[in-house]
Amino acid sequence: MPKTYHGRFAPSPTGPLHFGSMVAAVGSYLQAKSRGGEWRVRIEDLDPPREVPGAADDILRTLETCGLHWDGAVMYQSRRHGVYEGAIKMLERLDAIYPCACSRTEIADSSVQGVDGPVYPGTCRSGLAPGRAPRAWRVKVNGTTVGFADALQGRVRRHLATDCGDFVLRRADGFFAYQLAVVVDDAEQGITEIVRGADLIESTPRQIHLQRLLNLPTPDYVHLPVALNARSEKLSKQTFALPVDTVRPQQLLFQVLRFLGQEPPEELVNNSLDDFWRWAATHWRLECVPRVPGVLVGMPGSDSV
């Protein structure tokens, strides 16, 4: 018997949802519902300094207003520190992690640029220098090469040592890193396919490396096109993306479907949300989703509206 499809949407509560967030929400939701599967929601509130008070509740209200109803209870990463600590201890027993005393400045001064930041040069891999105190914990990547087939972006292959180096699992401020938490949580929620923005595709090889170390299953992956503003910047809090307008949710969702390469009929914006989602799930075609980023001009979240 084939296993039940489990998808998820995992926003960080750093502000309200913008158009780019809705692309990930709608794409992951339709990928799950078109397969008769379940769609989970996880609030990735792992980084208190970046969180906005009330943002988590606002995100959930927006999803509900748009008819994006999740299955099961919402998972909050802030309540799972003990689980992440257990994963750290397991990796320590495997001699797969080590303490690191390097500051960001030291790393920047002695490293080369990788796929999405400086490549850690391995300064502390053989032990801390005399007089140095541990700041973070890093996982060893050794000579690992990770490849995976993305259902939309195609084949991806990364040599971790040269592309990112040993990466952080517990930060200098004591908080657990995204890479560790997402791997542990996806396994616990039984996620069979991860549908998210292509801006996270470079995290995937690192996460697969951790899945293998922790003996956790590797889900399938779909990385959706990133929504850009008129200056070709990714929509985000940092680029002042506007919150989505949910006064007429069907109009917003219609535009998201169009961005994702679907062809909803114009009259769909006047239908009920239930009718809208029935049509969208029945007609969802992943093969029609563009692989490349899309620029929003005159659409919600664009600075040219």
C-alpha atoms as a PDB file:
ATOM      1  CA  MET A   1       0.000   0.000   0.000  1.00  0.00           C
ATOM      2  CA  PRO A   2       1.485   3.405  -0.968  1.00  0.00           C
ATOM      3  CA  LYS A   3       2.270   5.708   1.938  1.00  0.00           C
ATOM      4  CA  THR A   4       0.128   8.786   2.524  1.00  0.00           C
ATOM      5  CA  TYR A   5       1.513  11.993   1.070  1.00  0.00           C
ATOM      6  CA  HIS A   6       2.499  14.504   3.758  1.00  0.00           C
ATOM      7  CA  GLY A   7       3.448  18.032   2.747  1.00  0.00           C
ATOM      8  CA  ARG A   8       4.078  21.125   4.825  1.00  0.00           C
ATOM      9  CA  PHE A   9       4.370  24.894   4.952  1.00  0.00           C
ATOM     10  CA  ALA A  10       6.890  26.206   7.472  1.00  0.00           C
ATOM     11  CA  PRO A  11       6.969  30.017   7.755  1.00  0.00           C
ATOM     12  CA  SER A  12       9.146  31.980  10.160  1.00  0.00           C
ATOM     13  CA  PRO A  13       7.216  34.553  12.241  1.00  0.00           C
ATOM     14  CA  THR A  14       9.386  37.498  11.233  1.00  0.00           C
ATOM     15  CA  GLY A  15       6.408  39.431   9.853  1.00  0.00           C
ATOM     16  CA  PRO A  16       3.146  38.986   7.948  1.00  0.00           C
ATOM     17  CA  LEU A  17       2.911  36.783   4.878  1.00  0.00           C
ATOM     18  CA  HIS A  18       3.801  38.497   1.590  1.00  0.00           C
ATOM     19  CA  PHE A  19       3.192  37.351  -1.984  1.00  0.00           C
ATOM     20  CA  GLY A  20       6.335  35.203  -2.042  1.00  0.00           C
ATOM     21  CA  SER A  21       5.223  33.430   1.143  1.00  0.00           C
ATOM     22  CA  MET A  22       1.853  32.710  -0.438  1.00  0.00           C
ATOM     23  CA  VAL A  23       3.541  31.154  -3.466  1.00  0.00           C
ATOM     24  CA  ALA A  24       5.170  28.596  -1.163  1.00  0.00           C
ATOM     25  CA  ALA A  25       1.971  28.085   0.838  1.00  0.00           C
ATOM     26  CA  VAL A  26      -0.269  27.588  -2.193  1.00  0.00           C
ATOM     27  CA  GLY A  27       2.242  25.452  -4.100  1.00  0.00           C
ATOM     28  CA  SER A  28       2.823  23.118  -1.158  1.00  0.00           C
ATOM     29  CA  TYR A  29      -0.902  22.951  -0.374  1.00  0.00           C
ATOM     30  CA  LEU A  30      -1.924  22.063  -3.925  1.00  0.00           C
ATOM     31  CA  GLN A  31       0.876  19.545  -4.330  1.00  0.00           C
ATOM     32  CA  ALA A  32      -0.505  17.774  -1.239  1.00  0.00           C
ATOM     33  CA  LYS A  33      -4.214  18.087  -1.945  1.00  0.00           C
ATOM     34  CA  SER A  34      -3.948  17.119  -5.618  1.00  0.00           C
ATOM     35  CA  ARG A  35      -2.466  13.825  -4.376  1.00  0.00           C
ATOM     36  CA  GLY A  36      -5.079  13.224  -1.724  1.00  0.00           C
ATOM     37  CA  GLY A  37      -2.495  13.924   0.969  1.00  0.00           C
ATOM     38  CA  GLU A  38      -2.178  15.917   4.163  1.00  0.00           C
ATOM     39  CA  TRP A  39      -0.751  19.413   4.545  1.00  0.00           C
ATOM     40  CA  ARG A  40       0.913  20.377   7.804  1.00  0.00           C
ATOM     41  CA  VAL A  41       1.870  23.808   9.134  1.00  0.00           C
ATOM     42  CA  ARG A  42       4.968  24.401  11.222  1.00  0.00           C
ATOM     43  CA  ILE A  43       5.902  27.759  12.768  1.00  0.00           C
ATOM     44  CA  GLU A  44       9.693  28.031  12.631  1.00  0.00           C
ATOM     45  CA  ASP A  45      10.071  30.317  15.659  1.00  0.00           C
ATOM     46  CA  LEU A  46      13.633  29.226  16.304  1.00  0.00           C
ATOM     47  CA  ASP A  47      15.255  32.669  16.209  1.00  0.00           C
ATOM     48  CA  PRO A  48      13.711  34.955  18.881  1.00  0.00           C
ATOM     49  CA  PRO A  49      15.789  38.055  17.974  1.00  0.00           C
ATOM     50  CA  ARG A  50      14.236  38.078  14.479  1.00  0.00           C
ATOM     51  CA  GLU A  51      10.647  37.313  15.488  1.00  0.00           C
ATOM     52  CA  VAL A  52       7.865  39.894  15.430  1.00  0.00           C
ATOM     53  CA  PRO A  53       5.367  39.667  18.315  1.00  0.00           C
ATOM     54  CA  GLY A  54       2.000  38.423  17.066  1.00  0.00           C
ATOM     55  CA  ALA A  55       3.352  37.395  13.656  1.00  0.00           C
ATOM     56  CA  ALA A  56       2.694  33.673  14.174  1.00  0.00           C
ATOM     57  CA  ASP A  57      -0.982  34.251  14.943  1.00  0.00           C
ATOM     58  CA  ASP A  58      -1.246  36.678  12.030  1.00  0.00           C
ATOM     59  CA  ILE A  59       0.206  34.063   9.659  1.00  0.00           C
ATOM     60  CA  LEU A  60      -2.298  31.441  10.807  1.00  0.00           C
ATOM     61  CA  ARG A  61      -5.210  33.891  10.439  1.00  0.00           C
ATOM     62  CA  THR A  62      -4.105  34.723   6.902  1.00  0.00           C
ATOM     63  CA  LEU A  63      -3.990  31.057   5.953  1.00  0.00           C
ATOM     64  CA  GLU A  64      -7.446  30.473   7.396  1.00  0.00           C
ATOM     65  CA  THR A  65      -8.864  33.546   5.654  1.00  0.00           C
ATOM     66  CA  CYS A  66      -7.548  32.191   2.358  1.00  0.00           C
ATOM     67  CA  GLY A  67      -9.092  28.764   2.950  1.00  0.00           C
ATOM     68  CA  LEU A  68      -5.714  27.080   3.458  1.00  0.00           C
ATOM     69  CA  HIS A  69      -6.773  24.661   6.185  1.00  0.00           C
ATOM     70  CA  TRP A  70      -4.005  22.520   7.632  1.00  0.00           C
ATOM     71  CA  ASP A  71      -4.174  18.960   8.927  1.00  0.00           C
ATOM     72  CA  GLY A  72      -3.306  18.144  12.528  1.00  0.00           C
ATOM     73  CA  ALA A  73      -1.898  20.494  15.135  1.00  0.00           C
ATOM     74  CA  VAL A  74       0.454  23.341  14.294  1.00  0.00           C
ATOM     75  CA  MET A  75       4.036  22.523  15.290  1.00  0.00           C
ATOM     76  CA  TYR A  76       6.082  25.258  17.013  1.00  0.00           C
ATOM     77  CA  GLN A  77       9.852  24.876  16.972  1.00  0.00           C
ATOM     78  CA  SER A  78      10.203  26.979  20.128  1.00  0.00           C
ATOM     79  CA  ARG A  79       8.622  24.108  22.061  1.00  0.00           C
ATOM     80  CA  ARG A  80      11.016  21.460  20.759  1.00  0.00           C
ATOM     81  CA  HIS A  81      14.421  22.396  22.151  1.00  0.00           C
ATOM     82  CA  GLY A  82      14.692  19.091  24.022  1.00  0.00           C
ATOM     83  CA  VAL A  83      14.265  17.158  20.770  1.00  0.00           C
ATOM     84  CA  TYR A  84      16.988  19.165  19.051  1.00  0.00           C
ATOM     85  CA  GLU A  85      19.263  18.683  22.050  1.00  0.00           C
ATOM     86  CA  GLY A  86      18.754  14.948  21.679  1.00  0.00           C
ATOM     87  CA  ALA A  87      19.836  15.116  18.044  1.00  0.00           C
ATOM     88  CA  ILE A  88      22.953  17.072  19.027  1.00  0.00           C
ATOM     89  CA  LYS A  89      23.862  14.434  21.616  1.00  0.00           C
ATOM     90  CA  MET A  90      23.397  11.657  19.064  1.00  0.00           C
ATOM     91  CA  LEU A  91      25.711  13.400  16.615  1.00  0.00           C
ATOM     92  CA  GLU A  92      28.231  13.953  19.406  1.00  0.00           C
ATOM     93  CA  ARG A  93      28.229  10.224  20.170  1.00  0.00           C
ATOM     94  CA  LEU A  94      28.891   9.580  16.485  1.00  0.00           C
ATOM     95  CA  ASP A  95      31.853  11.992  16.601  1.00  0.00           C
ATOM     96  CA  ALA A  96      30.114  13.900  13.800  1.00  0.00           C
ATOM     97  CA  ILE A  97      30.231  17.364  15.399  1.00  0.00           C
ATOM     98  CA  TYR A  98      32.786  19.535  17.173  1.00  0.00           C
ATOM     99  CA  PRO A  99      32.959  22.849  19.046  1.00  0.00           C
ATOM    100  CA  CYS A 100      34.116  25.920  17.139  1.00  0.00           C
ATOM    101  CA  ALA A 101      35.621  29.106  18.598  1.00  0.00           C
ATOM    102  CA  CYS A 102      35.732  31.146  15.373  1.00  0.00           C
ATOM    103  CA  SER A 103      33.920  34.434  15.045  1.00  0.00           C
ATOM    104  CA  ARG A 104      32.208  35.539  11.847  1.00  0.00           C
ATOM    105  CA  THR A 105      34.973  38.058  11.244  1.00  0.00           C
ATOM    106  CA  GLU A 106      37.663  35.393  11.572  1.00  0.00           C
ATOM    107  CA  ILE A 107      35.840  33.109   9.184  1.00  0.00           C
ATOM    108  CA  ALA A 108      35.324  35.887   6.636  1.00  0.00           C
ATOM    109  CA  ASP A 109      39.035  36.778   6.796  1.00  0.00           C
ATOM    110  CA  SER A 110      40.230  33.219   6.182  1.00  0.00           C
ATOM    111  CA  SER A 111      37.657  31.674   3.845  1.00  0.00           C
ATOM    112  CA  VAL A 112      36.540  31.577   0.232  1.00  0.00           C
ATOM    113  CA  GLN A 113      33.020  32.219  -0.976  1.00  0.00           C
ATOM    114  CA  GLY A 114      30.770  29.172  -1.358  1.00  0.00           C
ATOM    115  CA  VAL A 115      27.317  28.649  -2.833  1.00  0.00           C
ATOM    116  CA  ASP A 116      25.609  30.936  -0.301  1.00  0.00           C
ATOM    117  CA  GLY A 117      28.269  32.380   1.982  1.00  0.00           C
ATOM    118  CA  PRO A 118      31.811  31.863   3.260  1.00  0.00           C
ATOM    119  CA  VAL A 119      33.099  28.272   3.290  1.00  0.00           C
ATOM    120  CA  TYR A 120      34.283  27.387   6.780  1.00  0.00           C
ATOM    121  CA  PRO A 121      38.012  26.583   6.496  1.00  0.00           C
ATOM    122  CA  GLY A 122      38.021  23.916   9.224  1.00  0.00           C
ATOM    123  CA  THR A 123      40.050  25.901  11.742  1.00  0.00           C
ATOM    124  CA  CYS A 124      38.685  24.102  14.824  1.00  0.00           C
ATOM    125  CA  ARG A 125      38.079  20.664  13.316  1.00  0.00           C
ATOM    126  CA  SER A 126      41.126  19.150  15.035  1.00  0.00           C
ATOM    127  CA  GLY A 127      40.488  20.870  18.356  1.00  0.00           C
ATOM    128  CA  LEU A 128      40.345  24.335  19.879  1.00  0.00           C
ATOM    129  CA  ALA A 129      43.509  26.406  20.017  1.00  0.00           C
ATOM    130  CA  PRO A 130      44.876  27.062  23.536  1.00  0.00           C
ATOM    131  CA  GLY A 131      42.959  29.780  25.316  1.00  0.00           C
ATOM    132  CA  ARG A 132      39.981  29.663  22.910  1.00  0.00           C
ATOM    133  CA  ALA A 133      36.456  28.993  24.209  1.00  0.00           C
ATOM    134  CA  PRO A 134      33.802  27.184  22.141  1.00  0.00           C
ATOM    135  CA  ARG A 135      31.164  29.404  20.539  1.00  0.00           C
ATOM    136  CA  ALA A 136      29.204  27.148  18.198  1.00  0.00           C
ATOM    137  CA  TRP A 137      28.947  23.489  17.243  1.00  0.00           C
ATOM    138  CA  ARG A 138      29.622  22.392  13.668  1.00  0.00           C
ATOM    139  CA  VAL A 139      28.950  19.158  11.807  1.00  0.00           C
ATOM    140  CA  LYS A 140      31.741  17.504   9.850  1.00  0.00           C
ATOM    141  CA  VAL A 141      31.089  17.204   6.131  1.00  0.00           C
ATOM    142  CA  ASN A 142      34.430  15.495   5.344  1.00  0.00           C
ATOM    143  CA  GLY A 143      34.490  14.600   1.631  1.00  0.00           C
ATOM    144  CA  THR A 144      30.739  14.177   1.317  1.00  0.00           C
ATOM    145  CA  THR A 145      29.070  14.784  -2.037  1.00  0.00           C
ATOM    146  CA  VAL A 146      25.268  15.001  -2.003  1.00  0.00           C
ATOM    147  CA  GLY A 147      23.058  14.764  -5.056  1.00  0.00           C
ATOM    148  CA  PHE A 148      19.288  14.813  -5.352  1.00  0.00           C
ATOM    149  CA  ALA A 149      16.665  15.092  -8.074  1.00  0.00           C
ATOM    150  CA  ASP A 150      14.400  18.086  -7.646  1.00  0.00           C
ATOM    151  CA  ALA A 151      11.031  17.539  -9.320  1.00  0.00           C
ATOM    152  CA  LEU A 152      11.114  21.048 -10.788  1.00  0.00           C
ATOM    153  CA  GLN A 153      14.726  22.263 -10.823  1.00  0.00           C
ATOM    154  CA  GLY A 154      16.288  18.991 -11.998  1.00  0.00           C
ATOM    155  CA  ARG A 155      19.440  17.299 -10.745  1.00  0.00           C
ATOM    156  CA  VAL A 156      21.454  19.106  -8.050  1.00  0.00           C
ATOM    157  CA  ARG A 157      24.872  17.941  -6.853  1.00  0.00           C
ATOM    158  CA  ARG A 158      27.077  19.605  -4.237  1.00  0.00           C
ATOM    159  CA  HIS A 159      30.474  18.787  -2.737  1.00  0.00           C
ATOM    160  CA  LEU A 160      29.898  20.000   0.798  1.00  0.00           C
ATOM    161  CA  ALA A 161      33.538  20.603   1.741  1.00  0.00           C
ATOM    162  CA  THR A 162      34.101  23.077  -1.076  1.00  0.00           C
ATOM    163  CA  ASP A 163      30.555  24.464  -1.365  1.00  0.00           C
ATOM    164  CA  CYS A 164      29.801  25.237   2.290  1.00  0.00           C
ATOM    165  CA  GLY A 165      32.272  23.532   4.638  1.00  0.00           C
ATOM    166  CA  ASP A 166      31.435  22.234   8.106  1.00  0.00           C
ATOM    167  CA  PHE A 167      28.242  24.084   9.009  1.00  0.00           C
ATOM    168  CA  VAL A 168      26.729  25.250  12.286  1.00  0.00           C
ATOM    169  CA  LEU A 169      24.119  23.208  14.154  1.00  0.00           C
ATOM    170  CA  ARG A 170      24.153  25.205  17.380  1.00  0.00           C
ATOM    171  CA  ARG A 171      24.887  28.883  17.203  1.00  0.00           C
ATOM    172  CA  ALA A 172      27.148  31.022  19.355  1.00  0.00           C
ATOM    173  CA  ASP A 173      24.057  32.540  21.033  1.00  0.00           C
ATOM    174  CA  GLY A 174      22.939  29.051  22.095  1.00  0.00           C
ATOM    175  CA  PHE A 175      20.038  28.739  19.662  1.00  0.00           C
ATOM    176  CA  PHE A 176      19.722  25.702  17.407  1.00  0.00           C
ATOM    177  CA  ALA A 177      20.366  26.245  13.719  1.00  0.00           C
ATOM    178  CA  TYR A 178      17.678  25.996  11.058  1.00  0.00           C
ATOM    179  CA  GLN A 179      19.435  23.126   9.263  1.00  0.00           C
ATOM    180  CA  LEU A 180      19.198  20.829  12.281  1.00  0.00           C
ATOM    181  CA  ALA A 181      15.678  21.748  13.379  1.00  0.00           C
ATOM    182  CA  VAL A 182      14.097  21.380   9.952  1.00  0.00           C
ATOM    183  CA  VAL A 183      15.568  17.903   9.459  1.00  0.00           C
ATOM    184  CA  VAL A 184      14.350  16.661  12.845  1.00  0.00           C
ATOM    185  CA  ASP A 185      10.901  18.214  12.410  1.00  0.00           C
ATOM    186  CA  ASP A 186      10.321  16.963   8.860  1.00  0.00           C
ATOM    187  CA  ALA A 187      11.062  13.433  10.037  1.00  0.00           C
ATOM    188  CA  GLU A 188       8.740  13.672  13.048  1.00  0.00           C
ATOM    189  CA  GLN A 189       5.911  15.068  10.936  1.00  0.00           C
ATOM    190  CA  GLY A 190       6.389  12.309   8.372  1.00  0.00           C
ATOM    191  CA  ILE A 191       6.920  14.744   5.509  1.00  0.00           C
ATOM    192  CA  THR A 192       7.213  12.831   2.246  1.00  0.00           C
ATOM    193  CA  GLU A 193       7.818  15.803  -0.057  1.00  0.00           C
ATOM    194  CA  ILE A 194       9.134  19.279   0.724  1.00  0.00           C
ATOM    195  CA  VAL A 195       7.740  22.046  -1.488  1.00  0.00           C
ATOM    196  CA  ARG A 196       9.367  25.424  -0.839  1.00  0.00           C
ATOM    197  CA  GLY A 197      11.056  28.362  -2.538  1.00  0.00           C
ATOM    198  CA  ALA A 198      14.139  27.891  -4.699  1.00  0.00           C
ATOM    199  CA  ASP A 199      16.008  30.320  -2.431  1.00  0.00           C
ATOM    200  CA  LEU A 200      16.341  27.356  -0.043  1.00  0.00           C
ATOM    201  CA  ILE A 201      17.672  24.868  -2.566  1.00  0.00           C
ATOM    202  CA  GLU A 202      21.261  25.266  -1.352  1.00  0.00           C
ATOM    203  CA  SER A 203      20.153  24.173   2.126  1.00  0.00           C
ATOM    204  CA  THR A 204      18.928  20.846   0.793  1.00  0.00           C
ATOM    205  CA  PRO A 205      22.318  19.052   0.401  1.00  0.00           C
ATOM    206  CA  ARG A 206      23.209  20.010   3.974  1.00  0.00           C
ATOM    207  CA  GLN A 207      19.878  18.718   5.223  1.00  0.00           C
ATOM    208  CA  ILE A 208      20.282  15.437   3.344  1.00  0.00           C
ATOM    209  CA  HIS A 209      23.727  15.057   4.944  1.00  0.00           C
ATOM    210  CA  LEU A 210      22.125  15.415   8.387  1.00  0.00           C
ATOM    211  CA  GLN A 211      19.315  13.022   7.486  1.00  0.00           C
ATOM    212  CA  ARG A 212      21.900  10.383   6.664  1.00  0.00           C
ATOM    213  CA  LEU A 213      23.881  10.967   9.860  1.00  0.00           C
ATOM    214  CA  LEU A 214      20.722  10.766  12.006  1.00  0.00           C
ATOM    215  CA  ASN A 215      19.363   7.792  10.039  1.00  0.00           C
ATOM    216  CA  LEU A 216      16.245   9.751   9.023  1.00  0.00           C
ATOM    217  CA  PRO A 217      14.308   9.373   5.749  1.00  0.00           C
ATOM    218  CA  THR A 218      15.005  11.751   2.875  1.00  0.00           C
ATOM    219  CA  PRO A 219      11.811  13.232   1.396  1.00  0.00           C
ATOM    220  CA  ASP A 220      11.340  14.273  -2.204  1.00  0.00           C
ATOM    221  CA  TYR A 221      11.941  17.937  -3.068  1.00  0.00           C
ATOM    222  CA  VAL A 222      10.246  20.614  -5.169  1.00  0.00           C
ATOM    223  CA  HIS A 223      11.772  24.100  -5.192  1.00  0.00           C
ATOM    224  CA  LEU A 224       9.329  26.677  -6.550  1.00  0.00           C
ATOM    225  CA  PRO A 225      10.279  29.879  -8.398  1.00  0.00           C
ATOM    226  CA  VAL A 226      11.063  32.844  -6.173  1.00  0.00           C
ATOM    227  CA  ALA A 227       8.927  35.968  -6.441  1.00  0.00           C
ATOM    228  CA  LEU A 228      10.967  39.116  -7.143  1.00  0.00           C
ATOM    229  CA  ASN A 229      10.147  42.803  -6.923  1.00  0.00           C
ATOM    230  CA  ALA A 230      10.677  45.280  -9.765  1.00  0.00           C
ATOM    231  CA  ARG A 231      14.370  45.591  -8.794  1.00  0.00           C
ATOM    232  CA  SER A 232      14.795  41.800  -9.153  1.00  0.00           C
ATOM    233  CA  GLU A 233      15.152  41.402  -5.389  1.00  0.00           C
ATOM    234  CA  LYS A 234      13.525  38.474  -3.594  1.00  0.00           C
ATOM    235  CA  LEU A 235      10.374  39.548  -1.789  1.00  0.00           C
ATOM    236  CA  SER A 236      11.165  39.575   1.913  1.00  0.00           C
ATOM    237  CA  LYS A 237      10.979  41.700   5.017  1.00  0.00           C
ATOM    238  CA  GLN A 238      14.425  43.057   4.129  1.00  0.00           C
ATOM    239  CA  THR A 239      13.187  44.280   0.726  1.00  0.00           C
ATOM    240  CA  PHE A 240      10.024  45.780   2.277  1.00  0.00           C
ATOM    241  CA  ALA A 241       7.596  43.330   0.706  1.00  0.00           C
ATOM    242  CA  LEU A 242       4.004  44.342   1.379  1.00  0.00           C
ATOM    243  CA  PRO A 243       1.721  42.068   3.412  1.00  0.00           C
ATOM    244  CA  VAL A 244      -0.836  40.248   1.286  1.00  0.00           C
ATOM    245  CA  ASP A 245      -4.292  41.805   1.047  1.00  0.00           C
ATOM    246  CA  THR A 246      -6.878  39.227   2.129  1.00  0.00           C
ATOM    247  CA  VAL A 247      -9.953  41.429   1.716  1.00  0.00           C
ATOM    248  CA  ARG A 248     -10.633  39.509  -1.515  1.00  0.00           C
ATOM    249  CA  PRO A 249      -8.686  36.274  -1.025  1.00  0.00           C
ATOM    250  CA  GLN A 250      -9.849  34.764  -4.311  1.00  0.00           C
ATOM    251  CA  GLN A 251      -8.219  37.634  -6.215  1.00  0.00           C
ATOM    252  CA  LEU A 252      -4.928  37.112  -4.375  1.00  0.00           C
ATOM    253  CA  LEU A 253      -5.029  33.336  -4.874  1.00  0.00           C
ATOM    254  CA  PHE A 254      -5.873  33.765  -8.558  1.00  0.00           C
ATOM    255  CA  GLN A 255      -2.697  35.824  -8.994  1.00  0.00           C
ATOM    256  CA  VAL A 256      -0.642  33.249  -7.094  1.00  0.00           C
ATOM    257  CA  LEU A 257      -1.926  30.491  -9.390  1.00  0.00           C
ATOM    258  CA  ARG A 258      -1.026  32.563 -12.434  1.00  0.00           C
ATOM    259  CA  PHE A 259       2.467  33.148 -11.019  1.00  0.00           C
ATOM    260  CA  LEU A 260       2.791  29.367 -10.617  1.00  0.00           C
ATOM    261  CA  GLY A 261       2.024  28.804 -14.293  1.00  0.00           C
ATOM    262  CA  GLN A 262      -1.525  27.582 -13.829  1.00  0.00           C
ATOM    263  CA  GLU A 263      -4.421  28.844 -15.959  1.00  0.00           C
ATOM    264  CA  PRO A 264      -7.390  29.588 -13.702  1.00  0.00           C
ATOM    265  CA  PRO A 265     -10.492  30.921 -15.468  1.00  0.00           C
ATOM    266  CA  GLU A 266     -11.298  34.562 -14.746  1.00  0.00           C
ATOM    267  CA  GLU A 267     -14.687  33.694 -13.240  1.00  0.00           C
ATOM    268  CA  LEU A 268     -12.954  31.726 -10.480  1.00  0.00           C
ATOM    269  CA  VAL A 269     -12.356  34.957  -8.529  1.00  0.00           C
ATOM    270  CA  ASN A 270     -16.139  35.248  -8.016  1.00  0.00           C
ATOM    271  CA  ASN A 271     -16.571  31.695  -6.734  1.00  0.00           C
ATOM    272  CA  SER A 272     -16.561  30.590  -3.120  1.00  0.00           C
ATOM    273  CA  LEU A 273     -13.237  29.626  -1.565  1.00  0.00           C
ATOM    274  CA  ASP A 274     -14.348  25.982  -1.462  1.00  0.00           C
ATOM    275  CA  ASP A 275     -15.099  26.047  -5.186  1.00  0.00           C
ATOM    276  CA  PHE A 276     -11.822  27.857  -5.843  1.00  0.00           C
ATOM    277  CA  TRP A 277      -9.759  25.196  -4.068  1.00  0.00           C
ATOM    278  CA  ARG A 278     -11.701  22.328  -5.646  1.00  0.00           C
ATOM    279  CA  TRP A 279     -10.865  23.707  -9.075  1.00  0.00           C
ATOM    280  CA  ALA A 280      -7.238  24.442  -8.146  1.00  0.00           C
ATOM    281  CA  ALA A 281      -6.564  20.972  -6.693  1.00  0.00           C
ATOM    282  CA  THR A 282      -8.208  19.227  -9.638  1.00  0.00           C
ATOM    283  CA  HIS A 283      -6.291  21.258 -12.238  1.00  0.00           C
ATOM    284  CA  TRP A 284      -2.929  21.583 -10.457  1.00  0.00           C
ATOM    285  CA  ARG A 285      -0.079  20.741 -12.822  1.00  0.00           C
ATOM    286  CA  LEU A 286       3.434  20.841 -11.407  1.00  0.00           C
ATOM    287  CA  GLU A 287       4.902  20.515 -14.892  1.00  0.00           C
ATOM    288  CA  CYS A 288       3.427  23.934 -15.754  1.00  0.00           C
ATOM    289  CA  VAL A 289       5.229  25.736 -12.913  1.00  0.00           C
ATOM    290  CA  PRO A 290       8.124  27.841 -14.228  1.00  0.00           C
ATOM    291  CA  ARG A 291      11.607  27.016 -12.956  1.00  0.00           C
ATOM    292  CA  VAL A 292      12.963  30.558 -13.001  1.00  0.00           C
ATOM    293  CA  PRO A 293      12.160  33.473 -10.639  1.00  0.00           C
ATOM    294  CA  GLY A 294       9.302  35.766 -11.584  1.00  0.00           C
ATOM    295  CA  VAL A 295       9.137  39.562 -11.282  1.00  0.00           C
ATOM    296  CA  LEU A 296       5.950  41.011  -9.870  1.00  0.00           C
ATOM    297  CA  VAL A 297       4.799  44.194 -11.576  1.00  0.00           C
ATOM    298  CA  GLY A 298       1.521  45.706 -10.465  1.00  0.00           C
ATOM    299  CA  MET A 299       0.767  42.687  -8.231  1.00  0.00           C
ATOM    300  CA  PRO A 300       0.408  42.350  -4.440  1.00  0.00           C
ATOM    301  CA  GLY A 301       3.747  42.600  -2.695  1.00  0.00           C
ATOM    302  CA  SER A 302       5.392  44.488  -5.559  1.00  0.00           C
ATOM    303  CA  ASP A 303       6.852  47.929  -4.960  1.00  0.00           C
ATOM    304  CA  SER A 304       5.394  49.011  -8.278  1.00  0.00           C
ATOM    305  CA  VAL A 305       1.754  48.581  -7.301  1.00  0.00           C
END
